[in-house]
Amino acid sequence: MATDLTLVIANKTYSSWSLRPWLAMTHFDVPFKEIVVPLHQGATSAKILTHSPAGKVPILHHGDITVWESLAILEYLAESFYDRVWWPTDPHAKAHARTIAAEMHAGFGALRQAMPMNLGMVYPARTWAEDVTKDIGRVQEIWRDARDRFGGKGDFLFGAFTISDAMYAPVITRFKTYAIDMDEACAAYADAVLALPAMKKWTAEAVEEPWVIDKYGPPD
């Protein structure tokens, strides 16, 4: 069933949405073929449109089924490959996990705009605008709350790695890139995600990419 999975992604250095399903699929050992469409190239839009009418990555092809949008892809995978534990099994924890994953999917626009994902750079700490600071604080509040209520003895938001951790992984890279101050609990959680073999593999491959996008350079 899994051998006909293809995941279409953009540059690993910059594509936060691509990271989410790629990280979960790799962590849960779901075999897939990978197609990388570099961003901001002459034929980028046309190439992506051959895979999805939405014109955005990531895109999952599974036989004749096509799914786009990171969270939709992850939900589809959880239903299709149910021998892996993609969500917490406890109903309360599962509901909470889905809620914070959806909040990440739909929110934090100020943070995304001010701090583009860029695995090729590390910038010194700086003062951020009020709306960005609010987003930074809310993310860490989500992490602390999930860890306190559901983390138990594990390293991740709900103990073991789940879709929720995949959804927040790009923000973790942003916090490292832009030297965001974190309390001890949040820093430990971020380090656990960055230490995942799948996350290390993504990061190592990002460093080797030949493409540089100037618009994702230092913040103003």
N, C-alpha and C. Protein backbone atom coordinates (compact mmCIF):
# COMPACT_ATOMS: atom_id res chain seq x y z
N MET A 1 0.83 -1.22 0.00
CA MET A 1 0.00 0.00 0.00
C MET A 1 0.85 1.25 0.00
N ALA A 2 1.97 1.24 0.73
CA ALA A 2 2.76 2.45 0.90
C ALA A 2 3.70 2.72 -0.25
N THR A 3 3.95 1.73 -1.11
CA THR A 3 4.98 1.90 -2.11
C THR A 3 4.61 2.91 -3.19
N ASP A 4 3.31 3.24 -3.31
CA ASP A 4 2.93 4.20 -4.33
C ASP A 4 2.65 5.58 -3.75
N LEU A 5 3.30 5.90 -2.65
CA LEU A 5 3.19 7.23 -2.04
C LEU A 5 4.26 8.14 -2.62
N THR A 6 3.85 9.35 -3.04
CA THR A 6 4.79 10.37 -3.48
C THR A 6 4.46 11.67 -2.76
N LEU A 7 5.46 12.29 -2.16
CA LEU A 7 5.29 13.57 -1.47
C LEU A 7 6.01 14.65 -2.26
N VAL A 8 5.28 15.65 -2.70
CA VAL A 8 5.85 16.78 -3.43
C VAL A 8 6.09 17.91 -2.44
N ILE A 9 7.33 18.37 -2.35
CA ILE A 9 7.70 19.40 -1.37
C ILE A 9 8.50 20.50 -2.06
N ALA A 10 8.77 21.55 -1.32
CA ALA A 10 9.66 22.62 -1.78
C ALA A 10 11.00 22.51 -1.05
N ASN A 11 11.83 23.54 -1.19
CA ASN A 11 13.17 23.54 -0.60
C ASN A 11 13.09 23.21 0.90
N LYS A 12 13.97 22.33 1.34
CA LYS A 12 13.99 21.96 2.75
C LYS A 12 14.49 23.10 3.62
N THR A 13 15.26 23.99 3.06
CA THR A 13 15.76 25.13 3.84
C THR A 13 14.63 26.06 4.26
N TYR A 14 13.63 26.21 3.41
CA TYR A 14 12.64 27.27 3.59
C TYR A 14 11.20 26.79 3.79
N SER A 15 10.87 25.59 3.39
CA SER A 15 9.46 25.21 3.29
C SER A 15 8.94 24.58 4.58
N SER A 16 8.36 25.40 5.43
CA SER A 16 7.84 24.92 6.70
C SER A 16 6.67 23.96 6.51
N TRP A 17 5.79 24.26 5.55
CA TRP A 17 4.64 23.38 5.34
C TRP A 17 5.08 22.02 4.83
N SER A 18 6.12 21.98 4.01
CA SER A 18 6.62 20.69 3.51
C SER A 18 7.23 19.84 4.62
N LEU A 19 7.88 20.50 5.56
CA LEU A 19 8.53 19.78 6.65
C LEU A 19 7.55 18.92 7.43
N ARG A 20 6.36 19.41 7.65
CA ARG A 20 5.42 18.74 8.56
C ARG A 20 5.10 17.31 8.15
N PRO A 21 4.54 17.05 6.96
CA PRO A 21 4.28 15.66 6.61
C PRO A 21 5.53 14.85 6.37
N TRP A 22 6.58 15.49 5.81
CA TRP A 22 7.83 14.76 5.56
C TRP A 22 8.40 14.24 6.87
N LEU A 23 8.42 15.06 7.90
CA LEU A 23 8.96 14.67 9.20
C LEU A 23 8.17 13.50 9.79
N ALA A 24 6.85 13.60 9.76
CA ALA A 24 6.03 12.54 10.33
C ALA A 24 6.16 11.24 9.55
N MET A 25 6.15 11.32 8.23
CA MET A 25 6.27 10.12 7.42
C MET A 25 7.61 9.44 7.63
N THR A 26 8.66 10.25 7.72
CA THR A 26 9.99 9.69 7.92
C THR A 26 10.12 9.10 9.33
N HIS A 27 9.61 9.83 10.32
CA HIS A 27 9.68 9.34 11.70
C HIS A 27 8.92 8.03 11.86
N PHE A 28 7.76 7.93 11.24
CA PHE A 28 6.93 6.73 11.38
C PHE A 28 7.25 5.66 10.35
N ASP A 29 8.33 5.87 9.61
CA ASP A 29 8.84 4.87 8.66
C ASP A 29 7.78 4.47 7.63
N VAL A 30 7.16 5.48 7.05
CA VAL A 30 6.23 5.27 5.94
C VAL A 30 7.01 5.51 4.65
N PRO A 31 7.26 4.50 3.85
CA PRO A 31 8.07 4.70 2.63
C PRO A 31 7.35 5.60 1.63
N PHE A 32 8.12 6.49 1.01
CA PHE A 32 7.54 7.38 0.01
C PHE A 32 8.62 7.87 -0.93
N LYS A 33 8.18 8.23 -2.13
CA LYS A 33 9.06 8.91 -3.08
C LYS A 33 8.93 10.41 -2.86
N GLU A 34 10.00 11.12 -3.11
CA GLU A 34 10.05 12.57 -2.85
C GLU A 34 10.32 13.32 -4.14
N ILE A 35 9.53 14.35 -4.38
CA ILE A 35 9.77 15.27 -5.50
C ILE A 35 9.96 16.66 -4.91
N VAL A 36 11.09 17.30 -5.18
CA VAL A 36 11.36 18.65 -4.70
C VAL A 36 11.18 19.64 -5.85
N VAL A 37 10.31 20.62 -5.62
CA VAL A 37 10.11 21.71 -6.58
C VAL A 37 10.64 22.99 -5.93
N PRO A 38 11.82 23.47 -6.33
CA PRO A 38 12.40 24.67 -5.69
C PRO A 38 11.50 25.89 -5.86
N LEU A 39 11.41 26.67 -4.80
CA LEU A 39 10.59 27.87 -4.81
C LEU A 39 11.24 29.00 -5.61
N HIS A 40 10.42 29.89 -6.12
CA HIS A 40 10.85 31.13 -6.77
C HIS A 40 11.81 30.89 -7.94
N GLN A 41 11.54 29.82 -8.69
CA GLN A 41 12.23 29.58 -9.94
C GLN A 41 11.24 29.87 -11.07
N GLY A 42 11.74 29.99 -12.27
CA GLY A 42 10.87 30.36 -13.38
C GLY A 42 9.69 29.43 -13.60
N ALA A 43 9.91 28.15 -13.42
CA ALA A 43 8.86 27.17 -13.71
C ALA A 43 8.19 26.62 -12.46
N THR A 44 8.45 27.24 -11.29
CA THR A 44 7.94 26.68 -10.04
C THR A 44 6.42 26.52 -10.05
N SER A 45 5.71 27.58 -10.35
CA SER A 45 4.25 27.53 -10.30
C SER A 45 3.70 26.48 -11.26
N ALA A 46 4.22 26.45 -12.46
CA ALA A 46 3.73 25.50 -13.46
C ALA A 46 3.98 24.05 -13.01
N LYS A 47 5.13 23.80 -12.41
CA LYS A 47 5.44 22.45 -11.96
C LYS A 47 4.51 22.02 -10.82
N ILE A 48 4.26 22.93 -9.89
CA ILE A 48 3.38 22.59 -8.77
C ILE A 48 1.96 22.33 -9.27
N LEU A 49 1.51 23.11 -10.24
CA LEU A 49 0.15 22.95 -10.77
C LEU A 49 -0.05 21.62 -11.48
N THR A 50 1.01 20.99 -11.91
CA THR A 50 0.87 19.66 -12.50
C THR A 50 0.51 18.62 -11.44
N HIS A 51 0.73 18.96 -10.17
CA HIS A 51 0.44 18.03 -9.08
C HIS A 51 -0.84 18.36 -8.33
N SER A 52 -1.23 19.65 -8.29
CA SER A 52 -2.42 20.06 -7.55
C SER A 52 -2.96 21.37 -8.09
N PRO A 53 -4.28 21.49 -8.23
CA PRO A 53 -4.85 22.75 -8.71
C PRO A 53 -4.72 23.88 -7.70
N ALA A 54 -4.41 23.56 -6.44
CA ALA A 54 -4.23 24.61 -5.44
C ALA A 54 -2.94 25.38 -5.66
N GLY A 55 -1.98 24.78 -6.34
CA GLY A 55 -0.74 25.47 -6.67
C GLY A 55 0.20 25.68 -5.50
N LYS A 56 0.06 24.87 -4.46
CA LYS A 56 0.92 25.00 -3.29
C LYS A 56 1.42 23.63 -2.85
N VAL A 57 2.58 23.61 -2.22
CA VAL A 57 3.11 22.39 -1.62
C VAL A 57 2.88 22.44 -0.11
N PRO A 58 2.90 21.28 0.54
CA PRO A 58 3.14 19.94 0.04
C PRO A 58 1.90 19.32 -0.60
N ILE A 59 2.16 18.27 -1.36
CA ILE A 59 1.10 17.51 -2.03
C ILE A 59 1.44 16.04 -1.87
N LEU A 60 0.48 15.25 -1.49
CA LEU A 60 0.67 13.80 -1.37
C LEU A 60 -0.13 13.10 -2.46
N HIS A 61 0.56 12.25 -3.22
CA HIS A 61 -0.10 11.35 -4.16
C HIS A 61 -0.05 9.94 -3.57
N HIS A 62 -1.18 9.29 -3.50
CA HIS A 62 -1.25 7.91 -3.04
C HIS A 62 -2.08 7.14 -4.06
N GLY A 63 -1.39 6.51 -5.01
CA GLY A 63 -2.10 5.92 -6.13
C GLY A 63 -2.83 7.02 -6.88
N ASP A 64 -4.15 6.88 -7.04
CA ASP A 64 -4.91 7.90 -7.76
C ASP A 64 -5.55 8.92 -6.82
N ILE A 65 -5.15 8.92 -5.55
CA ILE A 65 -5.64 9.88 -4.56
C ILE A 65 -4.62 11.00 -4.42
N THR A 66 -5.08 12.25 -4.43
CA THR A 66 -4.21 13.40 -4.21
C THR A 66 -4.73 14.19 -3.02
N VAL A 67 -3.84 14.50 -2.09
CA VAL A 67 -4.19 15.27 -0.90
C VAL A 67 -3.21 16.43 -0.79
N TRP A 68 -3.70 17.64 -0.55
CA TRP A 68 -2.82 18.78 -0.33
C TRP A 68 -3.19 19.46 0.98
N GLU A 69 -2.33 20.34 1.44
CA GLU A 69 -2.38 20.98 2.76
C GLU A 69 -1.81 20.02 3.82
N SER A 70 -0.87 20.55 4.60
CA SER A 70 -0.11 19.70 5.53
C SER A 70 -0.99 18.91 6.49
N LEU A 71 -1.93 19.59 7.14
CA LEU A 71 -2.73 18.90 8.15
C LEU A 71 -3.65 17.87 7.51
N ALA A 72 -4.20 18.18 6.34
CA ALA A 72 -5.03 17.19 5.64
C ALA A 72 -4.22 15.96 5.26
N ILE A 73 -2.99 16.17 4.83
CA ILE A 73 -2.12 15.05 4.50
C ILE A 73 -1.86 14.19 5.74
N LEU A 74 -1.56 14.84 6.85
CA LEU A 74 -1.27 14.09 8.07
C LEU A 74 -2.50 13.32 8.56
N GLU A 75 -3.67 13.91 8.47
CA GLU A 75 -4.89 13.20 8.87
C GLU A 75 -5.14 12.02 7.93
N TYR A 76 -4.90 12.21 6.66
CA TYR A 76 -5.07 11.11 5.71
C TYR A 76 -4.11 9.96 6.03
N LEU A 77 -2.88 10.30 6.32
CA LEU A 77 -1.90 9.26 6.66
C LEU A 77 -2.29 8.53 7.94
N ALA A 78 -2.80 9.27 8.92
CA ALA A 78 -3.21 8.63 10.18
C ALA A 78 -4.32 7.62 9.95
N GLU A 79 -5.23 7.92 9.03
CA GLU A 79 -6.31 6.99 8.71
C GLU A 79 -5.84 5.84 7.85
N SER A 80 -4.90 6.10 6.96
CA SER A 80 -4.45 5.07 6.01
C SER A 80 -3.45 4.11 6.62
N PHE A 81 -2.58 4.62 7.49
CA PHE A 81 -1.53 3.81 8.10
C PHE A 81 -1.75 3.76 9.61
N TYR A 82 -2.86 3.10 9.96
CA TYR A 82 -3.34 3.12 11.34
C TYR A 82 -2.57 2.19 12.26
N ASP A 83 -1.58 1.48 11.73
CA ASP A 83 -0.73 0.67 12.59
C ASP A 83 0.33 1.53 13.30
N ARG A 84 0.47 2.79 12.89
CA ARG A 84 1.33 3.74 13.59
C ARG A 84 0.46 4.61 14.51
N VAL A 85 1.06 5.12 15.57
CA VAL A 85 0.30 5.94 16.53
C VAL A 85 0.56 7.41 16.22
N TRP A 86 -0.25 7.97 15.33
CA TRP A 86 -0.07 9.34 14.86
C TRP A 86 -0.61 10.37 15.85
N TRP A 87 -1.66 10.00 16.57
CA TRP A 87 -2.29 10.86 17.58
C TRP A 87 -2.24 10.15 18.92
N PRO A 88 -2.34 10.87 20.04
CA PRO A 88 -2.46 10.20 21.34
C PRO A 88 -3.68 9.28 21.34
N THR A 89 -3.60 8.20 22.07
CA THR A 89 -4.71 7.25 22.13
C THR A 89 -5.78 7.66 23.14
N ASP A 90 -5.42 8.37 24.18
CA ASP A 90 -6.40 8.85 25.15
C ASP A 90 -7.30 9.89 24.50
N PRO A 91 -8.65 9.76 24.61
CA PRO A 91 -9.55 10.68 23.92
C PRO A 91 -9.35 12.15 24.30
N HIS A 92 -9.11 12.43 25.58
CA HIS A 92 -8.89 13.80 26.03
C HIS A 92 -7.62 14.37 25.39
N ALA A 93 -6.54 13.59 25.47
CA ALA A 93 -5.27 14.03 24.88
C ALA A 93 -5.38 14.18 23.37
N LYS A 94 -6.09 13.25 22.73
CA LYS A 94 -6.24 13.31 21.28
C LYS A 94 -7.00 14.56 20.85
N ALA A 95 -8.07 14.88 21.57
CA ALA A 95 -8.83 16.09 21.26
C ALA A 95 -7.97 17.34 21.40
N HIS A 96 -7.18 17.37 22.47
CA HIS A 96 -6.30 18.52 22.70
C HIS A 96 -5.23 18.59 21.61
N ALA A 97 -4.68 17.45 21.25
CA ALA A 97 -3.64 17.41 20.22
C ALA A 97 -4.16 17.93 18.89
N ARG A 98 -5.36 17.53 18.54
CA ARG A 98 -5.95 17.99 17.28
C ARG A 98 -6.23 19.49 17.33
N THR A 99 -6.65 19.96 18.48
CA THR A 99 -6.97 21.38 18.62
C THR A 99 -5.74 22.26 18.45
N ILE A 100 -4.64 21.89 19.09
CA ILE A 100 -3.45 22.73 18.98
C ILE A 100 -2.79 22.59 17.62
N ALA A 101 -2.96 21.43 16.97
CA ALA A 101 -2.46 21.29 15.60
C ALA A 101 -3.23 22.21 14.67
N ALA A 102 -4.54 22.27 14.86
CA ALA A 102 -5.36 23.16 14.03
C ALA A 102 -5.05 24.63 14.31
N GLU A 103 -4.78 24.96 15.58
CA GLU A 103 -4.41 26.34 15.90
C GLU A 103 -3.12 26.73 15.19
N MET A 104 -2.16 25.80 15.16
CA MET A 104 -0.92 26.08 14.45
C MET A 104 -1.18 26.26 12.95
N HIS A 105 -2.04 25.42 12.40
CA HIS A 105 -2.33 25.46 10.98
C HIS A 105 -2.97 26.78 10.57
N ALA A 106 -3.84 27.30 11.43
CA ALA A 106 -4.64 28.47 11.05
C ALA A 106 -4.11 29.79 11.56
N GLY A 107 -3.21 29.77 12.54
CA GLY A 107 -2.84 31.01 13.21
C GLY A 107 -1.39 31.41 13.07
N PHE A 108 -0.99 32.34 13.94
CA PHE A 108 0.40 32.78 14.06
C PHE A 108 0.92 33.47 12.80
N GLY A 109 0.05 34.26 12.18
CA GLY A 109 0.44 34.93 10.95
C GLY A 109 1.55 35.95 11.15
N ALA A 110 1.54 36.65 12.27
CA ALA A 110 2.59 37.65 12.51
C ALA A 110 3.95 36.98 12.65
N LEU A 111 3.99 35.88 13.36
CA LEU A 111 5.25 35.14 13.53
C LEU A 111 5.75 34.63 12.19
N ARG A 112 4.87 34.04 11.41
CA ARG A 112 5.28 33.50 10.10
C ARG A 112 5.85 34.60 9.21
N GLN A 113 5.17 35.75 9.20
CA GLN A 113 5.59 36.84 8.32
C GLN A 113 6.93 37.42 8.76
N ALA A 114 7.12 37.59 10.04
CA ALA A 114 8.33 38.24 10.54
C ALA A 114 9.53 37.31 10.56
N MET A 115 9.28 36.01 10.71
CA MET A 115 10.38 35.06 10.88
C MET A 115 10.25 33.91 9.88
N PRO A 116 10.57 34.14 8.61
CA PRO A 116 10.50 33.04 7.65
C PRO A 116 11.42 31.90 8.06
N MET A 117 10.98 30.68 7.80
CA MET A 117 11.85 29.54 8.08
C MET A 117 13.08 29.62 7.20
N ASN A 118 14.25 29.45 7.81
CA ASN A 118 15.52 29.50 7.07
C ASN A 118 16.54 28.68 7.84
N LEU A 119 16.73 27.45 7.41
CA LEU A 119 17.66 26.55 8.11
C LEU A 119 19.11 26.86 7.77
N GLY A 120 19.32 27.80 6.87
CA GLY A 120 20.68 28.13 6.48
C GLY A 120 21.29 29.27 7.27
N MET A 121 20.53 29.87 8.20
CA MET A 121 21.02 31.04 8.91
C MET A 121 20.70 30.97 10.40
N VAL A 122 21.50 31.70 11.20
CA VAL A 122 21.22 31.95 12.61
C VAL A 122 21.46 33.44 12.83
N TYR A 123 20.45 34.13 13.36
CA TYR A 123 20.52 35.56 13.55
C TYR A 123 20.60 35.90 15.04
N PRO A 124 21.19 37.04 15.38
CA PRO A 124 21.24 37.45 16.79
C PRO A 124 19.85 37.81 17.30
N ALA A 125 19.68 37.72 18.61
CA ALA A 125 18.40 38.09 19.23
C ALA A 125 18.09 39.55 18.97
N ARG A 126 16.80 39.88 18.90
CA ARG A 126 16.38 41.24 18.63
C ARG A 126 15.03 41.45 19.31
N THR A 127 14.56 42.70 19.27
CA THR A 127 13.23 43.02 19.79
C THR A 127 12.22 42.90 18.66
N TRP A 128 11.09 42.23 18.95
CA TRP A 128 10.08 42.00 17.94
C TRP A 128 8.86 42.88 18.17
N ALA A 129 8.09 43.09 17.13
CA ALA A 129 6.84 43.85 17.24
C ALA A 129 5.88 43.15 18.20
N GLU A 130 4.93 43.89 18.69
CA GLU A 130 4.02 43.37 19.71
C GLU A 130 3.25 42.14 19.25
N ASP A 131 2.77 42.15 18.00
CA ASP A 131 2.00 40.99 17.53
C ASP A 131 2.85 39.75 17.38
N VAL A 132 4.12 39.93 17.00
CA VAL A 132 5.04 38.79 16.91
C VAL A 132 5.36 38.25 18.30
N THR A 133 5.62 39.15 19.24
CA THR A 133 5.89 38.75 20.62
C THR A 133 4.71 37.99 21.20
N LYS A 134 3.51 38.42 20.88
CA LYS A 134 2.31 37.72 21.35
C LYS A 134 2.26 36.30 20.81
N ASP A 135 2.56 36.13 19.51
CA ASP A 135 2.59 34.80 18.91
C ASP A 135 3.65 33.91 19.56
N ILE A 136 4.83 34.48 19.79
CA ILE A 136 5.91 33.72 20.43
C ILE A 136 5.46 33.22 21.80
N GLY A 137 4.84 34.11 22.56
CA GLY A 137 4.37 33.73 23.88
C GLY A 137 3.29 32.67 23.83
N ARG A 138 2.36 32.78 22.88
CA ARG A 138 1.28 31.80 22.77
C ARG A 138 1.81 30.42 22.41
N VAL A 139 2.77 30.35 21.49
CA VAL A 139 3.36 29.06 21.13
C VAL A 139 3.96 28.39 22.36
N GLN A 140 4.72 29.12 23.13
CA GLN A 140 5.36 28.52 24.30
C GLN A 140 4.33 28.15 25.36
N GLU A 141 3.25 28.93 25.46
CA GLU A 141 2.16 28.58 26.38
C GLU A 141 1.54 27.25 25.98
N ILE A 142 1.32 27.05 24.67
CA ILE A 142 0.78 25.79 24.17
C ILE A 142 1.69 24.63 24.54
N TRP A 143 2.98 24.81 24.32
CA TRP A 143 3.93 23.74 24.63
C TRP A 143 3.93 23.40 26.12
N ARG A 144 3.99 24.40 26.96
CA ARG A 144 4.04 24.15 28.41
C ARG A 144 2.77 23.44 28.89
N ASP A 145 1.64 23.92 28.40
CA ASP A 145 0.37 23.34 28.82
C ASP A 145 0.26 21.87 28.41
N ALA A 146 0.59 21.57 27.15
CA ALA A 146 0.52 20.18 26.68
C ALA A 146 1.49 19.29 27.43
N ARG A 147 2.70 19.78 27.63
CA ARG A 147 3.70 18.99 28.35
C ARG A 147 3.26 18.74 29.80
N ASP A 148 2.75 19.77 30.46
CA ASP A 148 2.32 19.63 31.86
C ASP A 148 1.16 18.66 31.99
N ARG A 149 0.21 18.73 31.07
CA ARG A 149 -1.02 17.94 31.20
C ARG A 149 -0.91 16.54 30.61
N PHE A 150 -0.14 16.41 29.53
CA PHE A 150 -0.17 15.15 28.79
C PHE A 150 1.21 14.56 28.49
N GLY A 151 2.29 15.29 28.79
CA GLY A 151 3.61 14.84 28.38
C GLY A 151 4.14 13.65 29.15
N GLY A 152 3.74 13.54 30.41
CA GLY A 152 4.22 12.43 31.22
C GLY A 152 5.73 12.38 31.26
N LYS A 153 6.27 11.18 31.07
CA LYS A 153 7.72 10.99 31.09
C LYS A 153 8.36 11.07 29.70
N GLY A 154 7.55 11.35 28.68
CA GLY A 154 8.10 11.45 27.34
C GLY A 154 8.71 12.81 27.07
N ASP A 155 9.31 12.95 25.91
CA ASP A 155 10.00 14.19 25.55
C ASP A 155 9.15 15.15 24.73
N PHE A 156 7.98 14.69 24.28
CA PHE A 156 7.22 15.47 23.32
C PHE A 156 5.92 15.99 23.94
N LEU A 157 5.12 16.69 23.18
CA LEU A 157 3.95 17.36 23.74
C LEU A 157 3.00 16.40 24.42
N PHE A 158 2.87 15.20 23.86
CA PHE A 158 1.98 14.20 24.42
C PHE A 158 2.74 12.93 24.79
N GLY A 159 3.96 13.12 25.22
CA GLY A 159 4.82 11.99 25.59
C GLY A 159 5.59 11.50 24.39
N ALA A 160 4.95 10.65 23.57
CA ALA A 160 5.56 10.19 22.33
C ALA A 160 5.29 11.20 21.21
N PHE A 161 6.10 11.14 20.17
CA PHE A 161 5.95 12.02 19.01
C PHE A 161 4.60 11.79 18.35
N THR A 162 3.90 12.89 18.00
CA THR A 162 2.62 12.82 17.31
C THR A 162 2.57 13.87 16.20
N ILE A 163 1.44 13.90 15.52
CA ILE A 163 1.21 14.90 14.49
C ILE A 163 1.36 16.32 15.04
N SER A 164 0.96 16.53 16.27
CA SER A 164 1.08 17.88 16.86
C SER A 164 2.53 18.34 16.87
N ASP A 165 3.46 17.45 17.19
CA ASP A 165 4.88 17.81 17.18
C ASP A 165 5.35 18.13 15.77
N ALA A 166 4.85 17.38 14.79
CA ALA A 166 5.21 17.68 13.39
C ALA A 166 4.71 19.05 12.99
N MET A 167 3.53 19.42 13.46
CA MET A 167 2.97 20.73 13.12
C MET A 167 3.78 21.88 13.72
N TYR A 168 4.36 21.67 14.89
CA TYR A 168 5.12 22.74 15.55
C TYR A 168 6.62 22.70 15.22
N ALA A 169 7.08 21.67 14.54
CA ALA A 169 8.50 21.56 14.23
C ALA A 169 9.06 22.76 13.48
N PRO A 170 8.37 23.30 12.47
CA PRO A 170 8.93 24.47 11.78
C PRO A 170 9.09 25.69 12.69
N VAL A 171 8.19 25.85 13.66
CA VAL A 171 8.33 26.97 14.59
C VAL A 171 9.57 26.78 15.47
N ILE A 172 9.84 25.54 15.82
CA ILE A 172 11.05 25.26 16.59
C ILE A 172 12.28 25.69 15.81
N THR A 173 12.32 25.40 14.52
CA THR A 173 13.48 25.83 13.73
C THR A 173 13.55 27.35 13.67
N ARG A 174 12.41 28.01 13.59
CA ARG A 174 12.40 29.47 13.58
C ARG A 174 12.95 30.02 14.90
N PHE A 175 12.53 29.45 16.01
CA PHE A 175 13.02 29.92 17.30
C PHE A 175 14.53 29.78 17.41
N LYS A 176 15.09 28.74 16.79
CA LYS A 176 16.55 28.57 16.79
C LYS A 176 17.20 29.57 15.83
N THR A 177 16.63 29.73 14.65
CA THR A 177 17.19 30.63 13.66
C THR A 177 17.24 32.07 14.15
N TYR A 178 16.19 32.49 14.86
CA TYR A 178 16.08 33.88 15.29
C TYR A 178 16.38 34.08 16.77
N ALA A 179 17.02 33.09 17.39
CA ALA A 179 17.51 33.20 18.78
C ALA A 179 16.42 33.65 19.75
N ILE A 180 15.26 32.98 19.66
CA ILE A 180 14.15 33.30 20.54
C ILE A 180 14.41 32.70 21.93
N ASP A 181 14.24 33.52 22.94
CA ASP A 181 14.46 33.07 24.31
C ASP A 181 13.33 32.12 24.73
N MET A 182 13.70 30.98 25.29
CA MET A 182 12.73 29.99 25.75
C MET A 182 13.05 29.61 27.18
N ASP A 183 12.00 29.29 27.94
CA ASP A 183 12.24 28.81 29.29
C ASP A 183 12.79 27.37 29.22
N GLU A 184 13.16 26.82 30.35
CA GLU A 184 13.83 25.52 30.38
C GLU A 184 12.97 24.42 29.78
N ALA A 185 11.68 24.41 30.11
CA ALA A 185 10.80 23.36 29.61
C ALA A 185 10.63 23.44 28.10
N CYS A 186 10.44 24.64 27.58
CA CYS A 186 10.27 24.81 26.14
C CYS A 186 11.56 24.51 25.39
N ALA A 187 12.68 24.92 25.94
CA ALA A 187 13.97 24.65 25.30
C ALA A 187 14.24 23.15 25.24
N ALA A 188 13.89 22.43 26.31
CA ALA A 188 14.09 20.98 26.33
C ALA A 188 13.22 20.31 25.29
N TYR A 189 11.98 20.77 25.17
CA TYR A 189 11.09 20.21 24.15
C TYR A 189 11.63 20.49 22.75
N ALA A 190 12.05 21.72 22.50
CA ALA A 190 12.60 22.07 21.19
C ALA A 190 13.81 21.21 20.86
N ASP A 191 14.68 21.01 21.83
CA ASP A 191 15.87 20.19 21.60
C ASP A 191 15.49 18.74 21.28
N ALA A 192 14.44 18.23 21.91
CA ALA A 192 14.01 16.86 21.65
C ALA A 192 13.55 16.70 20.20
N VAL A 193 12.81 17.68 19.69
CA VAL A 193 12.36 17.61 18.30
C VAL A 193 13.55 17.72 17.35
N LEU A 194 14.45 18.65 17.62
CA LEU A 194 15.61 18.82 16.75
C LEU A 194 16.53 17.62 16.76
N ALA A 195 16.49 16.83 17.84
CA ALA A 195 17.34 15.64 17.96
C ALA A 195 16.76 14.40 17.29
N LEU A 196 15.52 14.48 16.83
CA LEU A 196 14.93 13.34 16.13
C LEU A 196 15.76 12.98 14.90
N PRO A 197 16.02 11.69 14.66
CA PRO A 197 16.77 11.32 13.45
C PRO A 197 16.15 11.88 12.17
N ALA A 198 14.84 11.86 12.09
CA ALA A 198 14.18 12.39 10.89
C ALA A 198 14.43 13.89 10.74
N MET A 199 14.40 14.63 11.86
CA MET A 199 14.64 16.07 11.81
C MET A 199 16.09 16.35 11.44
N LYS A 200 17.01 15.56 11.97
CA LYS A 200 18.42 15.73 11.61
C LYS A 200 18.64 15.46 10.12
N LYS A 201 17.95 14.47 9.60
CA LYS A 201 18.09 14.16 8.17
C LYS A 201 17.58 15.31 7.31
N TRP A 202 16.42 15.86 7.65
CA TRP A 202 15.89 17.01 6.90
C TRP A 202 16.89 18.17 6.94
N THR A 203 17.40 18.47 8.12
CA THR A 203 18.31 19.61 8.29
C THR A 203 19.59 19.40 7.49
N ALA A 204 20.15 18.20 7.55
CA ALA A 204 21.38 17.91 6.82
C ALA A 204 21.16 18.06 5.32
N GLU A 205 20.01 17.61 4.82
CA GLU A 205 19.73 17.73 3.39
C GLU A 205 19.45 19.19 3.01
N ALA A 206 18.89 19.95 3.92
CA ALA A 206 18.67 21.37 3.65
C ALA A 206 19.99 22.10 3.44
N VAL A 207 20.97 21.78 4.26
CA VAL A 207 22.28 22.43 4.17
C VAL A 207 22.94 22.18 2.82
N GLU A 208 22.64 21.04 2.22
CA GLU A 208 23.26 20.68 0.95
C GLU A 208 22.54 21.25 -0.27
N GLU A 209 21.41 21.89 -0.07
CA GLU A 209 20.66 22.40 -1.22
C GLU A 209 21.41 23.54 -1.92
N PRO A 210 21.31 23.62 -3.24
CA PRO A 210 22.03 24.68 -3.96
C PRO A 210 21.27 25.99 -4.07
N TRP A 211 19.99 26.01 -3.67
CA TRP A 211 19.16 27.20 -3.91
C TRP A 211 19.22 28.16 -2.74
N VAL A 212 19.33 29.46 -3.02
CA VAL A 212 19.29 30.50 -2.01
C VAL A 212 18.22 31.50 -2.42
N ILE A 213 17.33 31.83 -1.49
CA ILE A 213 16.26 32.77 -1.77
C ILE A 213 16.51 34.03 -0.94
N ASP A 214 16.87 35.12 -1.62
CA ASP A 214 17.27 36.33 -0.91
C ASP A 214 16.15 36.93 -0.07
N LYS A 215 14.90 36.78 -0.48
CA LYS A 215 13.78 37.37 0.25
C LYS A 215 13.62 36.78 1.64
N TYR A 216 14.19 35.60 1.87
CA TYR A 216 14.12 34.96 3.18
C TYR A 216 15.41 35.22 3.98
N GLY A 217 16.05 36.34 3.70
CA GLY A 217 17.25 36.71 4.40
C GLY A 217 16.98 37.36 5.73
N PRO A 218 17.90 38.18 6.25
CA PRO A 218 17.76 38.76 7.59
C PRO A 218 16.48 39.58 7.73
N PRO A 219 15.83 39.50 8.90
CA PRO A 219 14.64 40.31 9.13
C PRO A 219 14.98 41.78 9.14
N ASP A 220 14.01 42.63 8.78
CA ASP A 220 14.24 44.08 8.77
C ASP A 220 14.43 44.61 10.19
